[in-house]
Amino acid sequence: MFKRIKIKKDDMVVIISGDHKDNKPRRVIEVDRDKDRVIVEGVNMVTKHRKPSANNPQGGIEKKEAGIHISNVMIVDNKGNATRIGRRKNAEGKLERYSKKSKETLK
């Protein structure tokens, strides 16, 4: 079954719950539809220990973002407010996303 996920890659979101809760807009790097998770820039950093390989002969420890549940983020509209998302038809008959708070079209 196909899930309707309203947040897309490169959207600006704010974290609304959890350890990284603040009102700073951050960019979505990746959306995982199967697990209902998003990877947000600079949030939920984890350390990975890498063995030496041909690509990385030194090996070592690297920091990278891990996913957070999609219910913990909220999209930011053009005015910088956290908002819910709706879908409506525009003048050409195509569906577009819009901010339910300010009624403006989202990119």
PDB file of N, CA and C in Angstrom:
ATOM      1  N   MET A   1       0.840  -1.184   0.000  1.00  0.00           N
ATOM      2  CA  MET A   1       0.000   0.000   0.000  1.00  0.00           C
ATOM      3  C   MET A   1       0.880   1.241   0.000  1.00  0.00           C
ATOM      4  N   PHE A   2       0.516   2.229  -0.782  1.00  0.00           N
ATOM      5  CA  PHE A   2       1.281   3.463  -0.913  1.00  0.00           C
ATOM      6  C   PHE A   2       0.894   4.439   0.188  1.00  0.00           C
ATOM      7  N   LYS A   3       1.883   4.934   0.906  1.00  0.00           N
ATOM      8  CA  LYS A   3       1.634   5.904   1.969  1.00  0.00           C
ATOM      9  C   LYS A   3       1.750   7.312   1.419  1.00  0.00           C
ATOM     10  N   ARG A   4       0.863   8.180   1.836  1.00  0.00           N
ATOM     11  CA  ARG A   4       0.935   9.589   1.448  1.00  0.00           C
ATOM     12  C   ARG A   4       1.807  10.304   2.466  1.00  0.00           C
ATOM     13  N   ILE A   5       3.037  10.594   2.094  1.00  0.00           N
ATOM     14  CA  ILE A   5       3.952  11.332   2.954  1.00  0.00           C
ATOM     15  C   ILE A   5       4.079  12.725   2.371  1.00  0.00           C
ATOM     16  N   LYS A   6       3.795  13.727   3.180  1.00  0.00           N
ATOM     17  CA  LYS A   6       3.697  15.089   2.672  1.00  0.00           C
ATOM     18  C   LYS A   6       5.015  15.838   2.704  1.00  0.00           C
ATOM     19  N   ILE A   7       6.025  15.271   3.341  1.00  0.00           N
ATOM     20  CA  ILE A   7       7.334  15.914   3.401  1.00  0.00           C
ATOM     21  C   ILE A   7       8.223  15.297   2.335  1.00  0.00           C
ATOM     22  N   LYS A   8       8.923  16.154   1.599  1.00  0.00           N
ATOM     23  CA  LYS A   8       9.777  15.694   0.508  1.00  0.00           C
ATOM     24  C   LYS A   8      11.226  16.092   0.769  1.00  0.00           C
ATOM     25  N   LYS A   9      12.109  15.522  -0.030  1.00  0.00           N
ATOM     26  CA  LYS A   9      13.519  15.859   0.036  1.00  0.00           C
ATOM     27  C   LYS A   9      13.698  17.346  -0.271  1.00  0.00           C
ATOM     28  N   ASP A  10      14.627  17.997   0.422  1.00  0.00           N
ATOM     29  CA  ASP A  10      14.972  19.421   0.285  1.00  0.00           C
ATOM     30  C   ASP A  10      13.918  20.364   0.859  1.00  0.00           C
ATOM     31  N   ASP A  11      12.895  19.854   1.552  1.00  0.00           N
ATOM     32  CA  ASP A  11      11.963  20.730   2.265  1.00  0.00           C
ATOM     33  C   ASP A  11      12.645  21.274   3.508  1.00  0.00           C
ATOM     34  N   MET A  12      12.200  22.424   3.968  1.00  0.00           N
ATOM     35  CA  MET A  12      12.676  22.991   5.219  1.00  0.00           C
ATOM     36  C   MET A  12      11.686  22.598   6.317  1.00  0.00           C
ATOM     37  N   VAL A  13      12.193  22.041   7.406  1.00  0.00           N
ATOM     38  CA  VAL A  13      11.352  21.570   8.500  1.00  0.00           C
ATOM     39  C   VAL A  13      11.905  22.072   9.827  1.00  0.00           C
ATOM     40  N   VAL A  14      11.059  22.032  10.863  1.00  0.00           N
ATOM     41  CA  VAL A  14      11.505  22.263  12.229  1.00  0.00           C
ATOM     42  C   VAL A  14      11.222  20.992  13.021  1.00  0.00           C
ATOM     43  N   ILE A  15      12.053  20.734  14.023  1.00  0.00           N
ATOM     44  CA  ILE A  15      11.879  19.579  14.891  1.00  0.00           C
ATOM     45  C   ILE A  15      10.909  19.999  15.997  1.00  0.00           C
ATOM     46  N   ILE A  16       9.809  19.244  16.160  1.00  0.00           N
ATOM     47  CA  ILE A  16       8.793  19.647  17.131  1.00  0.00           C
ATOM     48  C   ILE A  16       8.820  18.818  18.402  1.00  0.00           C
ATOM     49  N   SER A  17       9.601  17.739  18.432  1.00  0.00           N
ATOM     50  CA  SER A  17       9.732  16.969  19.668  1.00  0.00           C
ATOM     51  C   SER A  17      11.044  16.193  19.645  1.00  0.00           C
ATOM     52  N   GLY A  18      11.493  15.825  20.824  1.00  0.00           N
ATOM     53  CA  GLY A  18      12.724  15.069  20.938  1.00  0.00           C
ATOM     54  C   GLY A  18      13.883  15.930  21.424  1.00  0.00           C
ATOM     55  N   ASP A  19      15.074  15.354  21.423  1.00  0.00           N
ATOM     56  CA  ASP A  19      16.260  16.030  21.938  1.00  0.00           C
ATOM     57  C   ASP A  19      16.653  17.257  21.124  1.00  0.00           C
ATOM     58  N   HIS A  20      16.325  17.273  19.838  1.00  0.00           N
ATOM     59  CA  HIS A  20      16.762  18.353  18.951  1.00  0.00           C
ATOM     60  C   HIS A  20      15.668  19.374  18.712  1.00  0.00           C
ATOM     61  N   LYS A  21      14.693  19.441  19.619  1.00  0.00           N
ATOM     62  CA  LYS A  21      13.580  20.364  19.457  1.00  0.00           C
ATOM     63  C   LYS A  21      14.066  21.809  19.570  1.00  0.00           C
ATOM     64  N   ASP A  22      13.835  22.576  18.517  1.00  0.00           N
ATOM     65  CA  ASP A  22      14.105  24.002  18.500  1.00  0.00           C
ATOM     66  C   ASP A  22      13.346  24.588  17.313  1.00  0.00           C
ATOM     67  N   ASN A  23      13.403  25.862  17.138  1.00  0.00           N
ATOM     68  CA  ASN A  23      12.673  26.490  16.044  1.00  0.00           C
ATOM     69  C   ASN A  23      13.577  26.856  14.880  1.00  0.00           C
ATOM     70  N   LYS A  24      14.700  26.152  14.745  1.00  0.00           N
ATOM     71  CA  LYS A  24      15.590  26.416  13.621  1.00  0.00           C
ATOM     72  C   LYS A  24      15.137  25.609  12.411  1.00  0.00           C
ATOM     73  N   PRO A  25      14.907  26.258  11.270  1.00  0.00           N
ATOM     74  CA  PRO A  25      14.570  25.487  10.062  1.00  0.00           C
ATOM     75  C   PRO A  25      15.792  24.711   9.583  1.00  0.00           C
ATOM     76  N   ARG A  26      15.555  23.467   9.222  1.00  0.00           N
ATOM     77  CA  ARG A  26      16.633  22.602   8.733  1.00  0.00           C
ATOM     78  C   ARG A  26      16.153  21.896   7.477  1.00  0.00           C
ATOM     79  N   ARG A  27      17.091  21.456   6.642  1.00  0.00           N
ATOM     80  CA  ARG A  27      16.768  20.838   5.357  1.00  0.00           C
ATOM     81  C   ARG A  27      16.661  19.326   5.489  1.00  0.00           C
ATOM     82  N   VAL A  28      15.677  18.745   4.793  1.00  0.00           N
ATOM     83  CA  VAL A  28      15.507  17.295   4.754  1.00  0.00           C
ATOM     84  C   VAL A  28      16.455  16.734   3.700  1.00  0.00           C
ATOM     85  N   ILE A  29      17.285  15.778   4.105  1.00  0.00           N
ATOM     86  CA  ILE A  29      18.252  15.169   3.190  1.00  0.00           C
ATOM     87  C   ILE A  29      17.625  13.981   2.463  1.00  0.00           C
ATOM     88  N   GLU A  30      16.846  13.189   3.193  1.00  0.00           N
ATOM     89  CA  GLU A  30      16.310  11.949   2.627  1.00  0.00           C
ATOM     90  C   GLU A  30      15.017  11.579   3.341  1.00  0.00           C
ATOM     91  N   VAL A  31      14.094  10.938   2.609  1.00  0.00           N
ATOM     92  CA  VAL A  31      12.832  10.458   3.171  1.00  0.00           C
ATOM     93  C   VAL A  31      12.763   8.958   2.960  1.00  0.00           C
ATOM     94  N   ASP A  32      12.528   8.197   4.038  1.00  0.00           N
ATOM     95  CA  ASP A  32      12.373   6.745   3.960  1.00  0.00           C
ATOM     96  C   ASP A  32      10.897   6.412   4.159  1.00  0.00           C
ATOM     97  N   ARG A  33      10.197   6.157   3.076  1.00  0.00           N
ATOM     98  CA  ARG A  33       8.760   5.909   3.122  1.00  0.00           C
ATOM     99  C   ARG A  33       8.418   4.602   3.830  1.00  0.00           C
ATOM    100  N   ASP A  34       9.260   3.604   3.716  1.00  0.00           N
ATOM    101  CA  ASP A  34       8.968   2.293   4.315  1.00  0.00           C
ATOM    102  C   ASP A  34       8.980   2.351   5.836  1.00  0.00           C
ATOM    103  N   LYS A  35       9.893   3.125   6.399  1.00  0.00           N
ATOM    104  CA  LYS A  35      10.036   3.183   7.852  1.00  0.00           C
ATOM    105  C   LYS A  35       9.449   4.445   8.463  1.00  0.00           C
ATOM    106  N   ASP A  36       8.819   5.321   7.660  1.00  0.00           N
ATOM    107  CA  ASP A  36       8.246   6.597   8.132  1.00  0.00           C
ATOM    108  C   ASP A  36       9.291   7.451   8.839  1.00  0.00           C
ATOM    109  N   ARG A  37      10.457   7.555   8.243  1.00  0.00           N
ATOM    110  CA  ARG A  37      11.534   8.323   8.859  1.00  0.00           C
ATOM    111  C   ARG A  37      12.111   9.308   7.851  1.00  0.00           C
ATOM    112  N   VAL A  38      12.682  10.393   8.382  1.00  0.00           N
ATOM    113  CA  VAL A  38      13.374  11.374   7.554  1.00  0.00           C
ATOM    114  C   VAL A  38      14.758  11.606   8.134  1.00  0.00           C
ATOM    115  N   ILE A  39      15.698  11.927   7.266  1.00  0.00           N
ATOM    116  CA  ILE A  39      17.038  12.303   7.699  1.00  0.00           C
ATOM    117  C   ILE A  39      17.152  13.804   7.496  1.00  0.00           C
ATOM    118  N   VAL A  40      17.399  14.518   8.606  1.00  0.00           N
ATOM    119  CA  VAL A  40      17.434  15.971   8.599  1.00  0.00           C
ATOM    120  C   VAL A  40      18.860  16.414   8.856  1.00  0.00           C
ATOM    121  N   GLU A  41      19.268  17.463   8.166  1.00  0.00           N
ATOM    122  CA  GLU A  41      20.643  17.965   8.225  1.00  0.00           C
ATOM    123  C   GLU A  41      21.017  18.395   9.644  1.00  0.00           C
ATOM    124  N   GLY A  42      22.066  17.794  10.199  1.00  0.00           N
ATOM    125  CA  GLY A  42      22.596  18.181  11.497  1.00  0.00           C
ATOM    126  C   GLY A  42      21.808  17.692  12.697  1.00  0.00           C
ATOM    127  N   VAL A  43      20.886  16.755  12.518  1.00  0.00           N
ATOM    128  CA  VAL A  43      20.045  16.273  13.616  1.00  0.00           C
ATOM    129  C   VAL A  43      20.287  14.775  13.802  1.00  0.00           C
ATOM    130  N   ASN A  44      20.315  14.326  15.063  1.00  0.00           N
ATOM    131  CA  ASN A  44      20.478  12.918  15.412  1.00  0.00           C
ATOM    132  C   ASN A  44      21.786  12.357  14.850  1.00  0.00           C
ATOM    133  N   MET A  45      22.884  13.024  15.182  1.00  0.00           N
ATOM    134  CA  MET A  45      24.199  12.597  14.699  1.00  0.00           C
ATOM    135  C   MET A  45      24.646  11.347  15.447  1.00  0.00           C
ATOM    136  N   VAL A  46      25.124  10.351  14.714  1.00  0.00           N
ATOM    137  CA  VAL A  46      25.634   9.116  15.292  1.00  0.00           C
ATOM    138  C   VAL A  46      27.059   8.908  14.799  1.00  0.00           C
ATOM    139  N   THR A  47      27.839   8.139  15.558  1.00  0.00           N
ATOM    140  CA  THR A  47      29.201   7.838  15.132  1.00  0.00           C
ATOM    141  C   THR A  47      29.246   6.417  14.601  1.00  0.00           C
ATOM    142  N   LYS A  48      29.928   6.254  13.473  1.00  0.00           N
ATOM    143  CA  LYS A  48      30.112   4.950  12.859  1.00  0.00           C
ATOM    144  C   LYS A  48      31.605   4.634  12.848  1.00  0.00           C
ATOM    145  N   HIS A  49      31.945   3.447  13.290  1.00  0.00           N
ATOM    146  CA  HIS A  49      33.330   2.999  13.265  1.00  0.00           C
ATOM    147  C   HIS A  49      33.539   2.225  11.969  1.00  0.00           C
ATOM    148  N   ARG A  50      34.437   2.706  11.125  1.00  0.00           N
ATOM    149  CA  ARG A  50      34.687   2.114   9.812  1.00  0.00           C
ATOM    150  C   ARG A  50      36.012   1.362   9.808  1.00  0.00           C
ATOM    151  N   LYS A  51      35.961   0.150   9.267  1.00  0.00           N
ATOM    152  CA  LYS A  51      37.189  -0.618   9.081  1.00  0.00           C
ATOM    153  C   LYS A  51      37.937  -0.062   7.875  1.00  0.00           C
ATOM    154  N   PRO A  52      39.250  -0.192   7.839  1.00  0.00           N
ATOM    155  CA  PRO A  52      39.991   0.242   6.654  1.00  0.00           C
ATOM    156  C   PRO A  52      39.556  -0.549   5.419  1.00  0.00           C
ATOM    157  N   SER A  53      39.425   0.154   4.302  1.00  0.00           N
ATOM    158  CA  SER A  53      39.035  -0.484   3.041  1.00  0.00           C
ATOM    159  C   SER A  53      39.825   0.160   1.919  1.00  0.00           C
ATOM    160  N   ALA A  54      39.576  -0.271   0.688  1.00  0.00           N
ATOM    161  CA  ALA A  54      40.282   0.304  -0.455  1.00  0.00           C
ATOM    162  C   ALA A  54      39.909   1.779  -0.630  1.00  0.00           C
ATOM    163  N   ASN A  55      38.633   2.112  -0.405  1.00  0.00           N
ATOM    164  CA  ASN A  55      38.209   3.508  -0.540  1.00  0.00           C
ATOM    165  C   ASN A  55      38.697   4.368   0.610  1.00  0.00           C
ATOM    166  N   ASN A  56      38.764   3.790   1.804  1.00  0.00           N
ATOM    167  CA  ASN A  56      39.166   4.520   2.995  1.00  0.00           C
ATOM    168  C   ASN A  56      40.263   3.717   3.697  1.00  0.00           C
ATOM    169  N   PRO A  57      41.517   3.832   3.247  1.00  0.00           N
ATOM    170  CA  PRO A  57      42.582   2.985   3.800  1.00  0.00           C
ATOM    171  C   PRO A  57      42.884   3.276   5.276  1.00  0.00           C
ATOM    172  N   GLN A  58      42.569   4.473   5.742  1.00  0.00           N
ATOM    173  CA  GLN A  58      42.844   4.824   7.127  1.00  0.00           C
ATOM    174  C   GLN A  58      41.795   4.229   8.073  1.00  0.00           C
ATOM    175  N   GLY A  59      40.538   4.116   7.609  1.00  0.00           N
ATOM    176  CA  GLY A  59      39.469   3.684   8.504  1.00  0.00           C
ATOM    177  C   GLY A  59      39.118   4.813   9.451  1.00  0.00           C
ATOM    178  N   GLY A  60      38.584   4.488  10.615  1.00  0.00           N
ATOM    179  CA  GLY A  60      38.355   5.507  11.631  1.00  0.00           C
ATOM    180  C   GLY A  60      36.893   5.684  11.988  1.00  0.00           C
ATOM    181  N   ILE A  61      36.630   6.804  12.651  1.00  0.00           N
ATOM    182  CA  ILE A  61      35.291   7.112  13.142  1.00  0.00           C
ATOM    183  C   ILE A  61      34.713   8.236  12.305  1.00  0.00           C
ATOM    184  N   GLU A  62      33.479   8.062  11.830  1.00  0.00           N
ATOM    185  CA  GLU A  62      32.826   9.125  11.082  1.00  0.00           C
ATOM    186  C   GLU A  62      31.476   9.451  11.710  1.00  0.00           C
ATOM    187  N   LYS A  63      31.101  10.707  11.658  1.00  0.00           N
ATOM    188  CA  LYS A  63      29.805  11.142  12.186  1.00  0.00           C
ATOM    189  C   LYS A  63      28.859  11.334  11.016  1.00  0.00           C
ATOM    190  N   LYS A  64      27.619  10.871  11.177  1.00  0.00           N
ATOM    191  CA  LYS A  64      26.620  11.067  10.140  1.00  0.00           C
ATOM    192  C   LYS A  64      25.237  11.154  10.768  1.00  0.00           C
ATOM    193  N   GLU A  65      24.283  11.661   9.999  1.00  0.00           N
ATOM    194  CA  GLU A  65      22.923  11.814  10.489  1.00  0.00           C
ATOM    195  C   GLU A  65      22.182  10.482  10.443  1.00  0.00           C
ATOM    196  N   ALA A  66      21.354  10.246  11.450  1.00  0.00           N
ATOM    197  CA  ALA A  66      20.471   9.086  11.462  1.00  0.00           C
ATOM    198  C   ALA A  66      19.045   9.596  11.332  1.00  0.00           C
ATOM    199  N   GLY A  67      18.131   8.699  11.030  1.00  0.00           N
ATOM    200  CA  GLY A  67      16.748   9.089  10.792  1.00  0.00           C
ATOM    201  C   GLY A  67      15.986   9.397  12.068  1.00  0.00           C
ATOM    202  N   ILE A  68      14.984  10.265  11.937  1.00  0.00           N
ATOM    203  CA  ILE A  68      14.040  10.515  13.017  1.00  0.00           C
ATOM    204  C   ILE A  68      12.637  10.289  12.450  1.00  0.00           C
ATOM    205  N   HIS A  69      11.687   9.991  13.315  1.00  0.00           N
ATOM    206  CA  HIS A  69      10.341   9.681  12.846  1.00  0.00           C
ATOM    207  C   HIS A  69       9.701  10.917  12.236  1.00  0.00           C
ATOM    208  N   ILE A  70       8.916  10.691  11.204  1.00  0.00           N
ATOM    209  CA  ILE A  70       8.328  11.792  10.443  1.00  0.00           C
ATOM    210  C   ILE A  70       7.331  12.596  11.269  1.00  0.00           C
ATOM    211  N   SER A  71       6.790  11.994  12.327  1.00  0.00           N
ATOM    212  CA  SER A  71       5.845  12.719  13.173  1.00  0.00           C
ATOM    213  C   SER A  71       6.543  13.753  14.053  1.00  0.00           C
ATOM    214  N   ASN A  72       7.863  13.709  14.147  1.00  0.00           N
ATOM    215  CA  ASN A  72       8.613  14.649  14.977  1.00  0.00           C
ATOM    216  C   ASN A  72       9.053  15.900  14.223  1.00  0.00           C
ATOM    217  N   VAL A  73       8.701  16.007  12.943  1.00  0.00           N
ATOM    218  CA  VAL A  73       9.068  17.188  12.169  1.00  0.00           C
ATOM    219  C   VAL A  73       7.805  17.837  11.603  1.00  0.00           C
ATOM    220  N   MET A  74       7.901  19.136  11.357  1.00  0.00           N
ATOM    221  CA  MET A  74       6.798  19.888  10.772  1.00  0.00           C
ATOM    222  C   MET A  74       7.379  20.822   9.725  1.00  0.00           C
ATOM    223  N   ILE A  75       6.724  20.918   8.590  1.00  0.00           N
ATOM    224  CA  ILE A  75       7.263  21.711   7.486  1.00  0.00           C
ATOM    225  C   ILE A  75       7.146  23.203   7.794  1.00  0.00           C
ATOM    226  N   VAL A  76       8.056  23.984   7.218  1.00  0.00           N
ATOM    227  CA  VAL A  76       8.088  25.431   7.402  1.00  0.00           C
ATOM    228  C   VAL A  76       7.614  26.074   6.109  1.00  0.00           C
ATOM    229  N   ASP A  77       6.675  27.037   6.212  1.00  0.00           N
ATOM    230  CA  ASP A  77       6.203  27.726   5.010  1.00  0.00           C
ATOM    231  C   ASP A  77       7.154  28.870   4.645  1.00  0.00           C
ATOM    232  N   ASN A  78       6.794  29.639   3.633  1.00  0.00           N
ATOM    233  CA  ASN A  78       7.669  30.698   3.130  1.00  0.00           C
ATOM    234  C   ASN A  78       7.882  31.822   4.142  1.00  0.00           C
ATOM    235  N   LYS A  79       6.967  31.978   5.075  1.00  0.00           N
ATOM    236  CA  LYS A  79       7.088  33.020   6.100  1.00  0.00           C
ATOM    237  C   LYS A  79       7.902  32.552   7.306  1.00  0.00           C
ATOM    238  N   GLY A  80       8.276  31.277   7.346  1.00  0.00           N
ATOM    239  CA  GLY A  80       9.072  30.754   8.447  1.00  0.00           C
ATOM    240  C   GLY A  80       8.254  30.149   9.568  1.00  0.00           C
ATOM    241  N   ASN A  81       6.953  29.938   9.354  1.00  0.00           N
ATOM    242  CA  ASN A  81       6.093  29.346  10.373  1.00  0.00           C
ATOM    243  C   ASN A  81       5.933  27.849  10.153  1.00  0.00           C
ATOM    244  N   ALA A  82       5.918  27.094  11.252  1.00  0.00           N
ATOM    245  CA  ALA A  82       5.629  25.667  11.150  1.00  0.00           C
ATOM    246  C   ALA A  82       4.153  25.509  10.824  1.00  0.00           C
ATOM    247  N   THR A  83       3.835  24.635   9.886  1.00  0.00           N
ATOM    248  CA  THR A  83       2.469  24.530   9.405  1.00  0.00           C
ATOM    249  C   THR A  83       2.161  23.111   8.941  1.00  0.00           C
ATOM    250  N   ARG A  84       0.890  22.821   8.831  1.00  0.00           N
ATOM    251  CA  ARG A  84       0.459  21.581   8.192  1.00  0.00           C
ATOM    252  C   ARG A  84       0.381  21.830   6.694  1.00  0.00           C
ATOM    253  N   ILE A  85       0.275  20.732   5.930  1.00  0.00           N
ATOM    254  CA  ILE A  85       0.284  20.826   4.481  1.00  0.00           C
ATOM    255  C   ILE A  85      -1.042  20.313   3.946  1.00  0.00           C
ATOM    256  N   GLY A  86      -1.588  21.029   2.970  1.00  0.00           N
ATOM    257  CA  GLY A  86      -2.768  20.568   2.256  1.00  0.00           C
ATOM    258  C   GLY A  86      -2.434  20.450   0.781  1.00  0.00           C
ATOM    259  N   ARG A  87      -3.356  19.848   0.033  1.00  0.00           N
ATOM    260  CA  ARG A  87      -3.186  19.741  -1.417  1.00  0.00           C
ATOM    261  C   ARG A  87      -4.433  20.294  -2.079  1.00  0.00           C
ATOM    262  N   ARG A  88      -4.221  21.090  -3.127  1.00  0.00           N
ATOM    263  CA  ARG A  88      -5.345  21.669  -3.869  1.00  0.00           C
ATOM    264  C   ARG A  88      -4.948  21.787  -5.327  1.00  0.00           C
ATOM    265  N   LYS A  89      -5.947  21.957  -6.179  1.00  0.00           N
ATOM    266  CA  LYS A  89      -5.684  22.141  -7.608  1.00  0.00           C
ATOM    267  C   LYS A  89      -5.430  23.613  -7.885  1.00  0.00           C
ATOM    268  N   ASN A  90      -4.442  23.871  -8.736  1.00  0.00           N
ATOM    269  CA  ASN A  90      -4.155  25.254  -9.113  1.00  0.00           C
ATOM    270  C   ASN A  90      -4.952  25.618 -10.364  1.00  0.00           C
ATOM    271  N   ALA A  91      -4.661  26.756 -10.974  1.00  0.00           N
ATOM    272  CA  ALA A  91      -5.422  27.241 -12.129  1.00  0.00           C
ATOM    273  C   ALA A  91      -5.323  26.300 -13.326  1.00  0.00           C
ATOM    274  N   GLU A  92      -4.185  25.601 -13.465  1.00  0.00           N
ATOM    275  CA  GLU A  92      -4.011  24.679 -14.591  1.00  0.00           C
ATOM    276  C   GLU A  92      -4.598  23.302 -14.318  1.00  0.00           C
ATOM    277  N   GLY A  93      -5.113  23.084 -13.106  1.00  0.00           N
ATOM    278  CA  GLY A  93      -5.703  21.785 -12.773  1.00  0.00           C
ATOM    279  C   GLY A  93      -4.719  20.807 -12.161  1.00  0.00           C
ATOM    280  N   LYS A  94      -3.481  21.244 -11.903  1.00  0.00           N
ATOM    281  CA  LYS A  94      -2.482  20.373 -11.287  1.00  0.00           C
ATOM    282  C   LYS A  94      -2.553  20.506  -9.769  1.00  0.00           C
ATOM    283  N   LEU A  95      -2.208  19.429  -9.067  1.00  0.00           N
ATOM    284  CA  LEU A  95      -2.186  19.482  -7.607  1.00  0.00           C
ATOM    285  C   LEU A  95      -0.946  20.229  -7.132  1.00  0.00           C
ATOM    286  N   GLU A  96      -1.118  21.031  -6.094  1.00  0.00           N
ATOM    287  CA  GLU A  96       0.001  21.738  -5.492  1.00  0.00           C
ATOM    288  C   GLU A  96      -0.125  21.646  -3.980  1.00  0.00           C
ATOM    289  N   ARG A  97       1.018  21.730  -3.293  1.00  0.00           N
ATOM    290  CA  ARG A  97       1.006  21.730  -1.831  1.00  0.00           C
ATOM    291  C   ARG A  97       0.870  23.164  -1.346  1.00  0.00           C
ATOM    292  N   TYR A  98       0.107  23.352  -0.268  1.00  0.00           N
ATOM    293  CA  TYR A  98      -0.043  24.691   0.279  1.00  0.00           C
ATOM    294  C   TYR A  98      -0.015  24.635   1.798  1.00  0.00           C
ATOM    295  N   SER A  99       0.323  25.768   2.391  1.00  0.00           N
ATOM    296  CA  SER A  99       0.378  25.902   3.833  1.00  0.00           C
ATOM    297  C   SER A  99      -1.031  26.115   4.360  1.00  0.00           C
ATOM    298  N   LYS A 100      -1.445  25.295   5.322  1.00  0.00           N
ATOM    299  CA  LYS A 100      -2.775  25.460   5.886  1.00  0.00           C
ATOM    300  C   LYS A 100      -2.851  26.675   6.791  1.00  0.00           C
ATOM    301  N   LYS A 101      -1.714  27.160   7.289  1.00  0.00           N
ATOM    302  CA  LYS A 101      -1.709  28.318   8.178  1.00  0.00           C
ATOM    303  C   LYS A 101      -1.821  29.618   7.382  1.00  0.00           C
ATOM    304  N   SER A 102      -0.980  29.775   6.343  1.00  0.00           N
ATOM    305  CA  SER A 102      -0.966  31.031   5.598  1.00  0.00           C
ATOM    306  C   SER A 102      -1.665  30.941   4.247  1.00  0.00           C
ATOM    307  N   LYS A 103      -2.111  29.744   3.851  1.00  0.00           N
ATOM    308  CA  LYS A 103      -2.802  29.495   2.578  1.00  0.00           C
ATOM    309  C   LYS A 103      -1.937  29.775   1.363  1.00  0.00           C
ATOM    310  N   GLU A 104      -0.618  29.889   1.525  1.00  0.00           N
ATOM    311  CA  GLU A 104       0.291  30.135   0.404  1.00  0.00           C
ATOM    312  C   GLU A 104       0.760  28.819  -0.196  1.00  0.00           C
ATOM    313  N   THR A 105       1.091  28.845  -1.453  1.00  0.00           N
ATOM    314  CA  THR A 105       1.609  27.669  -2.152  1.00  0.00           C
ATOM    315  C   THR A 105       3.036  27.414  -1.715  1.00  0.00           C
ATOM    316  N   LEU A 106       3.358  26.145  -1.463  1.00  0.00           N
ATOM    317  CA  LEU A 106       4.723  25.751  -1.124  1.00  0.00           C
ATOM    318  C   LEU A 106       5.452  25.374  -2.394  1.00  0.00           C
ATOM    319  N   LYS A 107       6.760  25.478  -2.359  1.00  0.00           N
ATOM    320  CA  LYS A 107       7.559  25.134  -3.549  1.00  0.00           C
ATOM    321  C   LYS A 107       7.497  23.661  -3.856  1.00  0.00           C
TER     322      LYS A 107
END
